[in-house]
């Protein structure tokens, strides 16, 4: 019994544009991660990159549920003693709203070489304009 390996044609990759306005962060990130991995295609293989490109607009208008806006903390560590820094979701949204979506999607893709390649196919923008109009991205409606 041999393992079936589909031929992944790089020319058939599609571009999707997702409007994050009013979408819940976790549900949106799960949907984006599935498209990046190619789980929505019949040629999905866990160890191959068969996914599409995803452009996210209005990243500054993504929602979080409950009290996560103030209570959820992101920790960074400098490597020095006492070098921990904690930032809340509202602080991250004020400075770099793209990082909210990027961080959530990164947690949902594999933590290996494949995951790093998949993350290069994610483009996140805080406004409603993006420079990928030449690729003719198809609109994708996020799950509510």
C-alpha atoms as a PDB file:
ATOM      1  CA  UNK A   1       0.000   0.000   0.000  1.00  0.00           C
ATOM      2  CA  UNK A   2       1.544   3.306  -1.056  1.00  0.00           C
ATOM      3  CA  UNK A   3       0.741   6.713   0.311  1.00  0.00           C
ATOM      4  CA  UNK A   4      -1.092   8.871  -2.210  1.00  0.00           C
ATOM      5  CA  UNK A   5       0.708  12.167  -2.788  1.00  0.00           C
ATOM      6  CA  UNK A   6      -1.320  14.744  -4.691  1.00  0.00           C
ATOM      7  CA  UNK A   7       0.388  17.033  -7.150  1.00  0.00           C
ATOM      8  CA  UNK A   8       0.152  20.497  -5.645  1.00  0.00           C
ATOM      9  CA  UNK A   9       0.089  22.976  -8.518  1.00  0.00           C
ATOM     10  CA  UNK A  10       1.454  26.310  -7.312  1.00  0.00           C
ATOM     11  CA  UNK A  11      -0.272  28.160 -10.169  1.00  0.00           C
ATOM     12  CA  UNK A  12      -3.719  27.198  -8.879  1.00  0.00           C
ATOM     13  CA  UNK A  13      -3.363  29.034  -5.565  1.00  0.00           C
ATOM     14  CA  UNK A  14      -6.188  31.461  -5.018  1.00  0.00           C
ATOM     15  CA  UNK A  15      -6.258  34.729  -3.125  1.00  0.00           C
ATOM     16  CA  UNK A  16      -8.979  35.410  -0.566  1.00  0.00           C
ATOM     17  CA  UNK A  17      -9.772  38.731   1.091  1.00  0.00           C
ATOM     18  CA  UNK A  18     -11.411  38.664   4.530  1.00  0.00           C
ATOM     19  CA  UNK A  19     -13.023  41.688   6.165  1.00  0.00           C
ATOM     20  CA  UNK A  20     -12.394  41.396   9.905  1.00  0.00           C
ATOM     21  CA  UNK A  21     -14.876  44.158  10.765  1.00  0.00           C
ATOM     22  CA  UNK A  22     -17.034  42.777  13.589  1.00  0.00           C
ATOM     23  CA  UNK A  23     -15.637  39.226  13.333  1.00  0.00           C
ATOM     24  CA  UNK A  24     -14.679  37.339  16.503  1.00  0.00           C
ATOM     25  CA  UNK A  25     -10.904  36.873  16.651  1.00  0.00           C
ATOM     26  CA  UNK A  26     -10.702  33.147  17.449  1.00  0.00           C
ATOM     27  CA  UNK A  27     -13.310  32.042  14.916  1.00  0.00           C
ATOM     28  CA  UNK A  28     -11.721  34.220  12.239  1.00  0.00           C
ATOM     29  CA  UNK A  29      -8.238  32.865  13.002  1.00  0.00           C
ATOM     30  CA  UNK A  30      -9.442  29.259  12.770  1.00  0.00           C
ATOM     31  CA  UNK A  31     -11.051  29.906   9.388  1.00  0.00           C
ATOM     32  CA  UNK A  32      -7.906  31.645   8.094  1.00  0.00           C
ATOM     33  CA  UNK A  33      -5.645  28.831   9.363  1.00  0.00           C
ATOM     34  CA  UNK A  34      -7.748  26.232   7.542  1.00  0.00           C
ATOM     35  CA  UNK A  35      -7.469  28.127   4.260  1.00  0.00           C
ATOM     36  CA  UNK A  36      -3.710  28.633   4.699  1.00  0.00           C
ATOM     37  CA  UNK A  37      -3.232  24.890   5.267  1.00  0.00           C
ATOM     38  CA  UNK A  38      -5.537  23.910   2.417  1.00  0.00           C
ATOM     39  CA  UNK A  39      -7.987  21.942   4.555  1.00  0.00           C
ATOM     40  CA  UNK A  40     -10.826  23.217   2.385  1.00  0.00           C
ATOM     41  CA  UNK A  41      -9.414  21.441  -0.697  1.00  0.00           C
ATOM     42  CA  UNK A  42      -9.661  17.786  -1.729  1.00  0.00           C
ATOM     43  CA  UNK A  43      -5.863  17.618  -2.232  1.00  0.00           C
ATOM     44  CA  UNK A  44      -5.145  18.400   1.454  1.00  0.00           C
ATOM     45  CA  UNK A  45      -2.142  16.548   2.800  1.00  0.00           C
ATOM     46  CA  UNK A  46      -0.876  17.293   6.322  1.00  0.00           C
ATOM     47  CA  UNK A  47       2.801  17.597   5.392  1.00  0.00           C
ATOM     48  CA  UNK A  48       2.369  19.603   2.156  1.00  0.00           C
ATOM     49  CA  UNK A  49       1.577  23.259   1.538  1.00  0.00           C
ATOM     50  CA  UNK A  50      -1.605  23.137  -0.546  1.00  0.00           C
ATOM     51  CA  UNK A  51      -3.227  26.274   0.861  1.00  0.00           C
ATOM     52  CA  UNK A  52      -4.194  29.634  -0.568  1.00  0.00           C
ATOM     53  CA  UNK A  53      -3.202  33.219   0.175  1.00  0.00           C
ATOM     54  CA  UNK A  54      -5.315  35.224   2.634  1.00  0.00           C
ATOM     55  CA  UNK A  55      -5.518  39.019   2.826  1.00  0.00           C
ATOM     56  CA  UNK A  56      -7.176  40.378   5.988  1.00  0.00           C
ATOM     57  CA  UNK A  57      -8.441  43.961   6.024  1.00  0.00           C
ATOM     58  CA  UNK A  58      -9.845  46.056   8.903  1.00  0.00           C
ATOM     59  CA  UNK A  59      -7.724  44.215  11.467  1.00  0.00           C
ATOM     60  CA  UNK A  60      -8.256  47.066  13.924  1.00  0.00           C
ATOM     61  CA  UNK A  61     -12.016  46.313  14.040  1.00  0.00           C
ATOM     62  CA  UNK A  62     -11.792  42.639  15.035  1.00  0.00           C
ATOM     63  CA  UNK A  63     -13.765  41.737  18.173  1.00  0.00           C
ATOM     64  CA  UNK A  64     -12.880  39.694  21.228  1.00  0.00           C
ATOM     65  CA  UNK A  65     -15.568  38.264  23.497  1.00  0.00           C
ATOM     66  CA  UNK A  66     -16.012  38.675  27.222  1.00  0.00           C
ATOM     67  CA  UNK A  67     -13.479  40.725  29.184  1.00  0.00           C
ATOM     68  CA  UNK A  68     -10.515  39.719  27.016  1.00  0.00           C
ATOM     69  CA  UNK A  69      -9.999  43.309  25.833  1.00  0.00           C
ATOM     70  CA  UNK A  70      -8.614  44.265  29.253  1.00  0.00           C
ATOM     71  CA  UNK A  71      -7.919  40.967  31.047  1.00  0.00           C
ATOM     72  CA  UNK A  72      -6.051  38.960  28.360  1.00  0.00           C
ATOM     73  CA  UNK A  73      -2.302  39.639  28.507  1.00  0.00           C
ATOM     74  CA  UNK A  74       0.461  38.951  26.000  1.00  0.00           C
ATOM     75  CA  UNK A  75       3.855  38.282  27.609  1.00  0.00           C
ATOM     76  CA  UNK A  76       7.247  39.032  26.104  1.00  0.00           C
ATOM     77  CA  UNK A  77      10.550  38.194  27.749  1.00  0.00           C
ATOM     78  CA  UNK A  78      13.830  39.978  27.081  1.00  0.00           C
ATOM     79  CA  UNK A  79      16.041  37.232  28.516  1.00  0.00           C
ATOM     80  CA  UNK A  80      17.142  39.347  31.467  1.00  0.00           C
ATOM     81  CA  UNK A  81      16.075  38.939  35.084  1.00  0.00           C
ATOM     82  CA  UNK A  82      12.762  40.706  35.564  1.00  0.00           C
ATOM     83  CA  UNK A  83      12.548  41.306  31.823  1.00  0.00           C
ATOM     84  CA  UNK A  84       8.914  40.245  31.442  1.00  0.00           C
ATOM     85  CA  UNK A  85       6.507  42.685  29.830  1.00  0.00           C
ATOM     86  CA  UNK A  86       2.762  42.238  29.733  1.00  0.00           C
ATOM     87  CA  UNK A  87       0.493  44.020  27.277  1.00  0.00           C
ATOM     88  CA  UNK A  88      -3.284  43.808  27.066  1.00  0.00           C
ATOM     89  CA  UNK A  89      -5.357  43.348  23.926  1.00  0.00           C
ATOM     90  CA  UNK A  90      -6.396  47.001  23.908  1.00  0.00           C
ATOM     91  CA  UNK A  91      -2.736  48.129  24.079  1.00  0.00           C
ATOM     92  CA  UNK A  92      -1.792  45.813  21.181  1.00  0.00           C
ATOM     93  CA  UNK A  93      -4.819  47.019  19.206  1.00  0.00           C
ATOM     94  CA  UNK A  94      -3.752  50.638  19.706  1.00  0.00           C
ATOM     95  CA  UNK A  95      -0.159  50.120  18.521  1.00  0.00           C
ATOM     96  CA  UNK A  96      -0.178  47.164  16.091  1.00  0.00           C
ATOM     97  CA  UNK A  97      -3.678  45.773  15.428  1.00  0.00           C
ATOM     98  CA  UNK A  98      -2.267  43.400  12.779  1.00  0.00           C
ATOM     99  CA  UNK A  99      -0.438  41.473  15.495  1.00  0.00           C
ATOM    100  CA  UNK A 100      -3.710  40.328  17.094  1.00  0.00           C
ATOM    101  CA  UNK A 101      -4.710  38.329  14.025  1.00  0.00           C
ATOM    102  CA  UNK A 102      -1.161  37.211  13.191  1.00  0.00           C
ATOM    103  CA  UNK A 103      -0.600  35.902  16.722  1.00  0.00           C
ATOM    104  CA  UNK A 104      -3.912  34.038  16.780  1.00  0.00           C
ATOM    105  CA  UNK A 105      -3.330  32.391  13.383  1.00  0.00           C
ATOM    106  CA  UNK A 106       0.289  31.488  14.233  1.00  0.00           C
ATOM    107  CA  UNK A 107      -1.010  29.497  17.197  1.00  0.00           C
ATOM    108  CA  UNK A 108      -3.246  27.459  14.877  1.00  0.00           C
ATOM    109  CA  UNK A 109      -0.694  26.409  12.235  1.00  0.00           C
ATOM    110  CA  UNK A 110       2.019  23.768  12.726  1.00  0.00           C
ATOM    111  CA  UNK A 111       5.048  24.790  14.789  1.00  0.00           C
ATOM    112  CA  UNK A 112       7.665  23.735  12.235  1.00  0.00           C
ATOM    113  CA  UNK A 113       9.096  24.684   8.818  1.00  0.00           C
ATOM    114  CA  UNK A 114       5.719  24.168   7.193  1.00  0.00           C
ATOM    115  CA  UNK A 115       4.057  26.571   9.617  1.00  0.00           C
ATOM    116  CA  UNK A 116       6.636  29.257   8.891  1.00  0.00           C
ATOM    117  CA  UNK A 117       5.996  28.902   5.153  1.00  0.00           C
ATOM    118  CA  UNK A 118       2.232  29.073   5.703  1.00  0.00           C
ATOM    119  CA  UNK A 119       2.537  32.308   7.667  1.00  0.00           C
ATOM    120  CA  UNK A 120       4.204  34.015   4.696  1.00  0.00           C
ATOM    121  CA  UNK A 121       0.927  33.600   2.788  1.00  0.00           C
ATOM    122  CA  UNK A 122      -1.004  35.665   5.350  1.00  0.00           C
ATOM    123  CA  UNK A 123      -1.222  39.412   4.695  1.00  0.00           C
ATOM    124  CA  UNK A 124      -2.881  41.569   7.377  1.00  0.00           C
ATOM    125  CA  UNK A 125      -3.744  45.275   7.067  1.00  0.00           C
ATOM    126  CA  UNK A 126      -5.388  47.573   9.601  1.00  0.00           C
ATOM    127  CA  UNK A 127      -7.329  49.689   7.111  1.00  0.00           C
ATOM    128  CA  UNK A 128      -9.708  48.701   4.351  1.00  0.00           C
ATOM    129  CA  UNK A 129      -7.085  49.105   1.596  1.00  0.00           C
ATOM    130  CA  UNK A 130      -4.539  46.518   0.500  1.00  0.00           C
ATOM    131  CA  UNK A 131      -1.929  46.386  -2.295  1.00  0.00           C
ATOM    132  CA  UNK A 132      -3.035  42.985  -3.642  1.00  0.00           C
ATOM    133  CA  UNK A 133      -5.772  44.068  -6.062  1.00  0.00           C
ATOM    134  CA  UNK A 134      -3.748  42.754  -9.030  1.00  0.00           C
ATOM    135  CA  UNK A 135      -4.160  39.194  -7.691  1.00  0.00           C
ATOM    136  CA  UNK A 136      -7.972  39.595  -7.896  1.00  0.00           C
ATOM    137  CA  UNK A 137      -8.760  38.173  -4.438  1.00  0.00           C
ATOM    138  CA  UNK A 138     -12.185  36.640  -3.927  1.00  0.00           C
ATOM    139  CA  UNK A 139     -14.224  37.906  -0.985  1.00  0.00           C
ATOM    140  CA  UNK A 140     -14.544  35.426   1.860  1.00  0.00           C
ATOM    141  CA  UNK A 141     -17.261  35.845   4.467  1.00  0.00           C
ATOM    142  CA  UNK A 142     -16.003  35.088   7.994  1.00  0.00           C
ATOM    143  CA  UNK A 143     -18.071  32.850  10.276  1.00  0.00           C
ATOM    144  CA  UNK A 144     -19.885  34.791  12.965  1.00  0.00           C
END
